[in-house]
């Protein structure tokens, strides 16, 4: 008795390429399920797992893989939320710190006598050296950092000159932030801090605050900030013509 031959692929092909057909939906669900388990699968191994001839169905499987990849639930690494954005800027020495206490700023009990500003966007720390540390609440971005500086200095009347305010905003620099990439499942606890001192990067997986996310903590290293400040001071000194004046004095002494 002859064995029953398998169903020809022509009939299956007709089911595959019609999206309204139940066969097409089942194949689509099978491809999506395989990709959910292993996102690195390419069309060729997918066809092998589904018992489909690769030469006939590679294009359709490739389209399904692209659809799965760019589906909003399956986008990996393209969307994240920024938490704990930190930065700094400098305000001119002429800004009145005494008047600041009457317009919403609060004096701290620290020995360096920094002032605190707090509102819905975050908080500011204003030191006697003119440095202002920024802490922006989530969802954080540069626009909210600018708005926080304006709330603390412009809207309170401490800085009324627009050009001075523009200079302060132009000097806002990035210090650090937490980038949170959400996933659909709980991850094991893991902290990678090998590059914390050299590059200012720490990777946290399964943290208590974000158990279902990969958290990338990046921070501008203190040594890099110090070197940048030193180079800026050297640049100012050269612009002031310090060495040129000293060189002229030596020439006068020689002549």
C-alpha atoms as a PDB file:
ATOM      1  CA  UNK A   1       0.000   0.000   0.000  1.00  0.00           C
ATOM      2  CA  UNK A   2       1.464   3.332  -1.076  1.00  0.00           C
ATOM      3  CA  UNK A   3       2.258   5.885   1.585  1.00  0.00           C
ATOM      4  CA  UNK A   4       0.308   9.121   1.621  1.00  0.00           C
ATOM      5  CA  UNK A   5       2.302  11.932   0.035  1.00  0.00           C
ATOM      6  CA  UNK A   6       2.658  15.125   2.061  1.00  0.00           C
ATOM      7  CA  UNK A   7       0.507  18.139   1.292  1.00  0.00           C
ATOM      8  CA  UNK A   8       2.052  20.008  -1.657  1.00  0.00           C
ATOM      9  CA  UNK A   9       3.473  23.422  -0.869  1.00  0.00           C
ATOM     10  CA  UNK A  10       1.341  25.045  -3.542  1.00  0.00           C
ATOM     11  CA  UNK A  11      -1.745  24.783  -1.356  1.00  0.00           C
ATOM     12  CA  UNK A  12       0.228  26.010   1.667  1.00  0.00           C
ATOM     13  CA  UNK A  13       1.633  28.867  -0.376  1.00  0.00           C
ATOM     14  CA  UNK A  14      -1.859  30.086  -1.120  1.00  0.00           C
ATOM     15  CA  UNK A  15      -2.623  30.118   2.590  1.00  0.00           C
ATOM     16  CA  UNK A  16       0.608  31.876   3.504  1.00  0.00           C
ATOM     17  CA  UNK A  17       0.345  34.922   1.272  1.00  0.00           C
ATOM     18  CA  UNK A  18      -3.267  35.782   2.123  1.00  0.00           C
ATOM     19  CA  UNK A  19      -3.249  37.699   5.428  1.00  0.00           C
ATOM     20  CA  UNK A  20      -6.933  37.075   6.030  1.00  0.00           C
ATOM     21  CA  UNK A  21      -6.455  33.323   5.932  1.00  0.00           C
ATOM     22  CA  UNK A  22      -6.115  31.340   9.158  1.00  0.00           C
ATOM     23  CA  UNK A  23      -3.012  29.598   7.837  1.00  0.00           C
ATOM     24  CA  UNK A  24      -1.230  32.879   7.345  1.00  0.00           C
ATOM     25  CA  UNK A  25      -2.041  34.006  10.872  1.00  0.00           C
ATOM     26  CA  UNK A  26      -0.831  30.704  12.351  1.00  0.00           C
ATOM     27  CA  UNK A  27       2.443  30.902  10.431  1.00  0.00           C
ATOM     28  CA  UNK A  28       2.888  34.512  11.496  1.00  0.00           C
ATOM     29  CA  UNK A  29       2.314  33.544  15.115  1.00  0.00           C
ATOM     30  CA  UNK A  30       4.801  30.681  14.817  1.00  0.00           C
ATOM     31  CA  UNK A  31       7.489  32.983  13.408  1.00  0.00           C
ATOM     32  CA  UNK A  32       6.828  35.556  16.138  1.00  0.00           C
ATOM     33  CA  UNK A  33       6.972  32.866  18.829  1.00  0.00           C
ATOM     34  CA  UNK A  34      10.326  31.589  17.539  1.00  0.00           C
ATOM     35  CA  UNK A  35      11.730  35.111  17.416  1.00  0.00           C
ATOM     36  CA  UNK A  36      10.505  35.812  20.928  1.00  0.00           C
ATOM     37  CA  UNK A  37      12.548  32.854  22.145  1.00  0.00           C
ATOM     38  CA  UNK A  38      15.581  33.664  19.997  1.00  0.00           C
ATOM     39  CA  UNK A  39      15.723  37.157  18.425  1.00  0.00           C
ATOM     40  CA  UNK A  40      18.911  36.257  16.498  1.00  0.00           C
ATOM     41  CA  UNK A  41      17.199  33.795  14.161  1.00  0.00           C
ATOM     42  CA  UNK A  42      17.535  34.639  10.461  1.00  0.00           C
ATOM     43  CA  UNK A  43      15.151  33.590   7.643  1.00  0.00           C
ATOM     44  CA  UNK A  44      17.134  30.454   6.758  1.00  0.00           C
ATOM     45  CA  UNK A  45      17.016  28.770  10.186  1.00  0.00           C
ATOM     46  CA  UNK A  46      13.417  29.944  10.589  1.00  0.00           C
ATOM     47  CA  UNK A  47      12.449  28.132   7.386  1.00  0.00           C
ATOM     48  CA  UNK A  48      14.293  25.059   8.605  1.00  0.00           C
ATOM     49  CA  UNK A  49      12.454  25.088  11.939  1.00  0.00           C
ATOM     50  CA  UNK A  50       9.111  25.530  10.170  1.00  0.00           C
ATOM     51  CA  UNK A  51       9.851  22.850   7.535  1.00  0.00           C
ATOM     52  CA  UNK A  52       9.516  25.354   4.694  1.00  0.00           C
ATOM     53  CA  UNK A  53      11.624  25.448   1.514  1.00  0.00           C
ATOM     54  CA  UNK A  54      13.986  28.369   1.912  1.00  0.00           C
ATOM     55  CA  UNK A  55      14.112  29.361  -1.766  1.00  0.00           C
ATOM     56  CA  UNK A  56      10.364  29.813  -1.970  1.00  0.00           C
ATOM     57  CA  UNK A  57       9.596  31.403   1.385  1.00  0.00           C
ATOM     58  CA  UNK A  58      12.726  33.298   2.402  1.00  0.00           C
ATOM     59  CA  UNK A  59      11.281  36.624   1.289  1.00  0.00           C
ATOM     60  CA  UNK A  60       8.012  36.175   3.179  1.00  0.00           C
ATOM     61  CA  UNK A  61       9.803  34.950   6.313  1.00  0.00           C
ATOM     62  CA  UNK A  62      12.188  37.887   6.040  1.00  0.00           C
ATOM     63  CA  UNK A  63       9.224  40.282   5.878  1.00  0.00           C
ATOM     64  CA  UNK A  64       7.700  38.647   8.953  1.00  0.00           C
ATOM     65  CA  UNK A  65      11.014  38.974  10.768  1.00  0.00           C
ATOM     66  CA  UNK A  66      11.200  42.678   9.862  1.00  0.00           C
ATOM     67  CA  UNK A  67       7.615  43.147  11.035  1.00  0.00           C
ATOM     68  CA  UNK A  68       8.440  41.482  14.350  1.00  0.00           C
ATOM     69  CA  UNK A  69      11.626  43.487  14.771  1.00  0.00           C
ATOM     70  CA  UNK A  70       9.993  46.881  14.277  1.00  0.00           C
ATOM     71  CA  UNK A  71       6.795  46.078  16.137  1.00  0.00           C
ATOM     72  CA  UNK A  72       6.472  48.552  18.981  1.00  0.00           C
ATOM     73  CA  UNK A  73       6.481  45.799  21.589  1.00  0.00           C
ATOM     74  CA  UNK A  74       9.650  44.240  20.192  1.00  0.00           C
ATOM     75  CA  UNK A  75      11.816  47.310  19.703  1.00  0.00           C
ATOM     76  CA  UNK A  76      14.969  46.589  21.657  1.00  0.00           C
ATOM     77  CA  UNK A  77      17.236  49.439  22.699  1.00  0.00           C
ATOM     78  CA  UNK A  78      15.477  52.166  20.717  1.00  0.00           C
ATOM     79  CA  UNK A  79      13.343  53.575  23.533  1.00  0.00           C
ATOM     80  CA  UNK A  80      14.415  54.386  27.053  1.00  0.00           C
ATOM     81  CA  UNK A  81      13.474  56.641  29.926  1.00  0.00           C
ATOM     82  CA  UNK A  82      16.058  58.986  31.452  1.00  0.00           C
ATOM     83  CA  UNK A  83      16.157  59.156  35.248  1.00  0.00           C
ATOM     84  CA  UNK A  84      18.279  61.245  37.627  1.00  0.00           C
ATOM     85  CA  UNK A  85      19.732  63.636  35.036  1.00  0.00           C
ATOM     86  CA  UNK A  86      22.539  65.667  36.606  1.00  0.00           C
ATOM     87  CA  UNK A  87      24.533  68.600  35.321  1.00  0.00           C
ATOM     88  CA  UNK A  88      26.159  71.866  36.282  1.00  0.00           C
ATOM     89  CA  UNK A  89      26.582  75.451  35.154  1.00  0.00           C
ATOM     90  CA  UNK A  90      28.069  78.690  36.463  1.00  0.00           C
ATOM     91  CA  UNK A  91      26.359  81.983  37.261  1.00  0.00           C
ATOM     92  CA  UNK A  92      28.154  85.367  37.450  1.00  0.00           C
ATOM     93  CA  UNK A  93      29.597  86.429  40.774  1.00  0.00           C
ATOM     94  CA  UNK A  94      27.374  89.511  40.839  1.00  0.00           C
ATOM     95  CA  UNK A  95      24.134  87.576  41.336  1.00  0.00           C
ATOM     96  CA  UNK A  96      22.767  88.482  44.775  1.00  0.00           C
ATOM     97  CA  UNK A  97      22.776  85.454  47.063  1.00  0.00           C
ATOM     98  CA  UNK A  98      21.252  87.414  49.971  1.00  0.00           C
ATOM     99  CA  UNK A  99      18.224  88.433  47.902  1.00  0.00           C
ATOM    100  CA  UNK A 100      17.855  84.829  46.754  1.00  0.00           C
ATOM    101  CA  UNK A 101      16.714  83.856  50.248  1.00  0.00           C
ATOM    102  CA  UNK A 102      13.700  86.164  49.856  1.00  0.00           C
ATOM    103  CA  UNK A 103      12.538  84.726  46.502  1.00  0.00           C
ATOM    104  CA  UNK A 104      12.372  81.000  47.272  1.00  0.00           C
ATOM    105  CA  UNK A 105      15.934  79.812  47.779  1.00  0.00           C
ATOM    106  CA  UNK A 106      16.744  78.017  51.047  1.00  0.00           C
ATOM    107  CA  UNK A 107      20.052  78.207  52.939  1.00  0.00           C
ATOM    108  CA  UNK A 108      21.589  74.858  53.822  1.00  0.00           C
ATOM    109  CA  UNK A 109      23.438  73.950  57.021  1.00  0.00           C
ATOM    110  CA  UNK A 110      26.537  72.844  55.129  1.00  0.00           C
ATOM    111  CA  UNK A 111      29.868  74.503  55.836  1.00  0.00           C
ATOM    112  CA  UNK A 112      30.246  75.676  52.243  1.00  0.00           C
ATOM    113  CA  UNK A 113      26.856  77.452  52.617  1.00  0.00           C
ATOM    114  CA  UNK A 114      25.252  76.362  49.364  1.00  0.00           C
ATOM    115  CA  UNK A 115      21.687  77.423  48.596  1.00  0.00           C
ATOM    116  CA  UNK A 116      18.857  75.115  47.547  1.00  0.00           C
ATOM    117  CA  UNK A 117      16.121  75.657  44.981  1.00  0.00           C
ATOM    118  CA  UNK A 118      13.400  73.018  44.609  1.00  0.00           C
ATOM    119  CA  UNK A 119      10.339  72.814  42.354  1.00  0.00           C
ATOM    120  CA  UNK A 120       8.384  70.298  40.258  1.00  0.00           C
ATOM    121  CA  UNK A 121      11.212  69.953  37.702  1.00  0.00           C
ATOM    122  CA  UNK A 122      13.974  69.155  40.194  1.00  0.00           C
ATOM    123  CA  UNK A 123      16.420  71.045  42.367  1.00  0.00           C
ATOM    124  CA  UNK A 124      19.456  73.336  42.169  1.00  0.00           C
ATOM    125  CA  UNK A 125      22.496  73.616  44.425  1.00  0.00           C
ATOM    126  CA  UNK A 126      24.142  77.050  44.263  1.00  0.00           C
ATOM    127  CA  UNK A 127      27.643  77.343  45.752  1.00  0.00           C
ATOM    128  CA  UNK A 128      29.566  80.479  46.665  1.00  0.00           C
ATOM    129  CA  UNK A 129      32.006  79.805  43.830  1.00  0.00           C
ATOM    130  CA  UNK A 130      29.184  80.390  41.338  1.00  0.00           C
ATOM    131  CA  UNK A 131      28.772  76.722  40.453  1.00  0.00           C
ATOM    132  CA  UNK A 132      25.195  75.445  40.261  1.00  0.00           C
ATOM    133  CA  UNK A 133      24.488  71.703  40.335  1.00  0.00           C
ATOM    134  CA  UNK A 134      21.330  70.591  38.514  1.00  0.00           C
ATOM    135  CA  UNK A 135      19.180  67.574  39.380  1.00  0.00           C
ATOM    136  CA  UNK A 136      16.312  67.107  36.903  1.00  0.00           C
ATOM    137  CA  UNK A 137      13.417  64.781  37.666  1.00  0.00           C
ATOM    138  CA  UNK A 138      12.199  62.136  35.221  1.00  0.00           C
ATOM    139  CA  UNK A 139      11.308  62.349  32.421  1.00  0.00           C
ATOM    140  CA  UNK A 140      14.498  64.339  32.033  1.00  0.00           C
ATOM    141  CA  UNK A 141      15.791  66.213  29.002  1.00  0.00           C
ATOM    142  CA  UNK A 142      17.858  69.277  28.254  1.00  0.00           C
ATOM    143  CA  UNK A 143      14.803  71.480  27.838  1.00  0.00           C
ATOM    144  CA  UNK A 144      13.625  70.705  31.365  1.00  0.00           C
ATOM    145  CA  UNK A 145      17.138  71.486  32.645  1.00  0.00           C
ATOM    146  CA  UNK A 146      17.000  74.901  30.944  1.00  0.00           C
ATOM    147  CA  UNK A 147      13.550  75.516  32.404  1.00  0.00           C
ATOM    148  CA  UNK A 148      14.790  74.613  35.897  1.00  0.00           C
ATOM    149  CA  UNK A 149      17.604  77.182  35.630  1.00  0.00           C
ATOM    150  CA  UNK A 150      15.142  79.810  34.413  1.00  0.00           C
ATOM    151  CA  UNK A 151      12.789  79.056  37.295  1.00  0.00           C
ATOM    152  CA  UNK A 152      15.559  79.518  39.849  1.00  0.00           C
ATOM    153  CA  UNK A 153      17.247  82.604  38.434  1.00  0.00           C
ATOM    154  CA  UNK A 154      15.196  84.357  35.750  1.00  0.00           C
ATOM    155  CA  UNK A 155      11.623  84.083  37.058  1.00  0.00           C
ATOM    156  CA  UNK A 156      12.787  85.014  40.564  1.00  0.00           C
ATOM    157  CA  UNK A 157      14.423  88.199  39.276  1.00  0.00           C
ATOM    158  CA  UNK A 158      17.972  87.266  40.243  1.00  0.00           C
ATOM    159  CA  UNK A 159      19.098  87.481  36.605  1.00  0.00           C
ATOM    160  CA  UNK A 160      17.271  90.075  34.519  1.00  0.00           C
ATOM    161  CA  UNK A 161      19.721  90.506  31.644  1.00  0.00           C
ATOM    162  CA  UNK A 162      18.795  88.221  28.766  1.00  0.00           C
ATOM    163  CA  UNK A 163      22.378  87.995  27.503  1.00  0.00           C
ATOM    164  CA  UNK A 164      23.620  86.942  30.930  1.00  0.00           C
ATOM    165  CA  UNK A 165      20.893  84.297  31.134  1.00  0.00           C
ATOM    166  CA  UNK A 166      21.764  83.012  27.664  1.00  0.00           C
ATOM    167  CA  UNK A 167      25.384  82.674  28.744  1.00  0.00           C
ATOM    168  CA  UNK A 168      24.359  80.678  31.813  1.00  0.00           C
ATOM    169  CA  UNK A 169      22.139  78.359  29.743  1.00  0.00           C
ATOM    170  CA  UNK A 170      24.863  77.893  27.140  1.00  0.00           C
ATOM    171  CA  UNK A 171      27.176  76.732  29.929  1.00  0.00           C
ATOM    172  CA  UNK A 172      24.895  73.946  31.167  1.00  0.00           C
ATOM    173  CA  UNK A 173      26.942  70.763  31.062  1.00  0.00           C
ATOM    174  CA  UNK A 174      26.086  67.099  31.476  1.00  0.00           C
ATOM    175  CA  UNK A 175      27.312  65.300  34.589  1.00  0.00           C
ATOM    176  CA  UNK A 176      25.413  62.017  34.662  1.00  0.00           C
ATOM    177  CA  UNK A 177      22.110  60.197  34.201  1.00  0.00           C
ATOM    178  CA  UNK A 178      20.381  56.823  34.465  1.00  0.00           C
ATOM    179  CA  UNK A 179      19.121  55.366  31.169  1.00  0.00           C
ATOM    180  CA  UNK A 180      16.461  52.709  31.790  1.00  0.00           C
ATOM    181  CA  UNK A 181      15.630  50.179  29.037  1.00  0.00           C
ATOM    182  CA  UNK A 182      12.490  48.233  29.942  1.00  0.00           C
ATOM    183  CA  UNK A 183      12.040  44.557  29.051  1.00  0.00           C
ATOM    184  CA  UNK A 184       9.061  42.248  29.461  1.00  0.00           C
ATOM    185  CA  UNK A 185      10.478  39.919  32.097  1.00  0.00           C
ATOM    186  CA  UNK A 186      12.226  40.101  35.426  1.00  0.00           C
ATOM    187  CA  UNK A 187      16.003  39.941  35.106  1.00  0.00           C
ATOM    188  CA  UNK A 188      18.572  38.467  37.511  1.00  0.00           C
ATOM    189  CA  UNK A 189      20.502  40.821  39.752  1.00  0.00           C
ATOM    190  CA  UNK A 190      23.792  41.908  38.160  1.00  0.00           C
ATOM    191  CA  UNK A 191      26.014  44.990  38.475  1.00  0.00           C
ATOM    192  CA  UNK A 192      28.924  45.665  36.088  1.00  0.00           C
ATOM    193  CA  UNK A 193      31.105  48.448  37.490  1.00  0.00           C
ATOM    194  CA  UNK A 194      34.457  47.660  35.852  1.00  0.00           C
ATOM    195  CA  UNK A 195      34.337  50.880  33.825  1.00  0.00           C
ATOM    196  CA  UNK A 196      33.060  53.199  36.564  1.00  0.00           C
ATOM    197  CA  UNK A 197      36.323  55.030  37.258  1.00  0.00           C
ATOM    198  CA  UNK A 198      37.791  54.994  33.755  1.00  0.00           C
ATOM    199  CA  UNK A 199      34.697  55.758  31.661  1.00  0.00           C
ATOM    200  CA  UNK A 200      32.033  56.558  34.239  1.00  0.00           C
ATOM    201  CA  UNK A 201      29.716  53.743  33.089  1.00  0.00           C
ATOM    202  CA  UNK A 202      27.910  51.252  35.343  1.00  0.00           C
ATOM    203  CA  UNK A 203      25.418  48.681  34.028  1.00  0.00           C
ATOM    204  CA  UNK A 204      22.740  47.380  36.395  1.00  0.00           C
ATOM    205  CA  UNK A 205      20.421  44.494  35.560  1.00  0.00           C
ATOM    206  CA  UNK A 206      17.483  43.486  37.726  1.00  0.00           C
ATOM    207  CA  UNK A 207      18.009  46.332  40.184  1.00  0.00           C
ATOM    208  CA  UNK A 208      15.489  46.718  43.013  1.00  0.00           C
ATOM    209  CA  UNK A 209      14.293  50.049  41.601  1.00  0.00           C
ATOM    210  CA  UNK A 210      13.919  48.621  38.057  1.00  0.00           C
ATOM    211  CA  UNK A 211      13.663  44.812  38.262  1.00  0.00           C
ATOM    212  CA  UNK A 212      12.336  44.504  34.700  1.00  0.00           C
ATOM    213  CA  UNK A 213      14.896  46.759  33.024  1.00  0.00           C
ATOM    214  CA  UNK A 214      18.516  47.216  32.037  1.00  0.00           C
ATOM    215  CA  UNK A 215      19.836  50.376  33.678  1.00  0.00           C
ATOM    216  CA  UNK A 216      22.886  52.163  32.263  1.00  0.00           C
ATOM    217  CA  UNK A 217      24.343  54.649  34.754  1.00  0.00           C
ATOM    218  CA  UNK A 218      26.743  57.034  33.050  1.00  0.00           C
ATOM    219  CA  UNK A 219      28.651  59.800  34.773  1.00  0.00           C
ATOM    220  CA  UNK A 220      31.145  62.362  33.496  1.00  0.00           C
ATOM    221  CA  UNK A 221      34.295  61.410  35.480  1.00  0.00           C
ATOM    222  CA  UNK A 222      35.634  63.932  37.987  1.00  0.00           C
ATOM    223  CA  UNK A 223      39.142  63.679  36.549  1.00  0.00           C
ATOM    224  CA  UNK A 224      37.830  64.613  33.102  1.00  0.00           C
ATOM    225  CA  UNK A 225      35.969  67.585  34.554  1.00  0.00           C
ATOM    226  CA  UNK A 226      39.101  68.769  36.364  1.00  0.00           C
ATOM    227  CA  UNK A 227      41.207  68.431  33.203  1.00  0.00           C
ATOM    228  CA  UNK A 228      38.630  70.327  31.185  1.00  0.00           C
ATOM    229  CA  UNK A 229      38.553  73.114  33.770  1.00  0.00           C
ATOM    230  CA  UNK A 230      42.350  73.290  33.751  1.00  0.00           C
ATOM    231  CA  UNK A 231      42.455  73.524  29.953  1.00  0.00           C
ATOM    232  CA  UNK A 232      39.844  76.267  30.048  1.00  0.00           C
ATOM    233  CA  UNK A 233      41.956  78.262  32.512  1.00  0.00           C
ATOM    234  CA  UNK A 234      45.025  77.830  30.285  1.00  0.00           C
ATOM    235  CA  UNK A 235      43.033  78.972  27.259  1.00  0.00           C
ATOM    236  CA  UNK A 236      41.890  82.103  29.096  1.00  0.00           C
ATOM    237  CA  UNK A 237      45.428  82.819  30.178  1.00  0.00           C
ATOM    238  CA  UNK A 238      46.675  82.536  26.590  1.00  0.00           C
ATOM    239  CA  UNK A 239      43.871  84.754  25.318  1.00  0.00           C
ATOM    240  CA  UNK A 240      44.825  87.407  27.862  1.00  0.00           C
ATOM    241  CA  UNK A 241      48.280  87.549  26.284  1.00  0.00           C
ATOM    242  CA  UNK A 242      50.141  86.491  29.425  1.00  0.00           C
ATOM    243  CA  UNK A 243      53.026  84.872  27.574  1.00  0.00           C
ATOM    244  CA  UNK A 244      53.137  87.623  24.980  1.00  0.00           C
ATOM    245  CA  UNK A 245      53.538  90.301  27.683  1.00  0.00           C
ATOM    246  CA  UNK A 246      56.195  88.232  29.449  1.00  0.00           C
ATOM    247  CA  UNK A 247      58.036  87.761  26.155  1.00  0.00           C
ATOM    248  CA  UNK A 248      57.995  91.521  25.512  1.00  0.00           C
ATOM    249  CA  UNK A 249      59.500  92.147  28.955  1.00  0.00           C
ATOM    250  CA  UNK A 250      62.338  89.733  28.199  1.00  0.00           C
ATOM    251  CA  UNK A 251      63.027  91.516  24.902  1.00  0.00           C
ATOM    252  CA  UNK A 252      63.128  94.881  26.670  1.00  0.00           C
ATOM    253  CA  UNK A 253      65.570  93.475  29.216  1.00  0.00           C
ATOM    254  CA  UNK A 254      67.843  92.164  26.482  1.00  0.00           C
ATOM    255  CA  UNK A 255      67.828  95.407  24.489  1.00  0.00           C
END
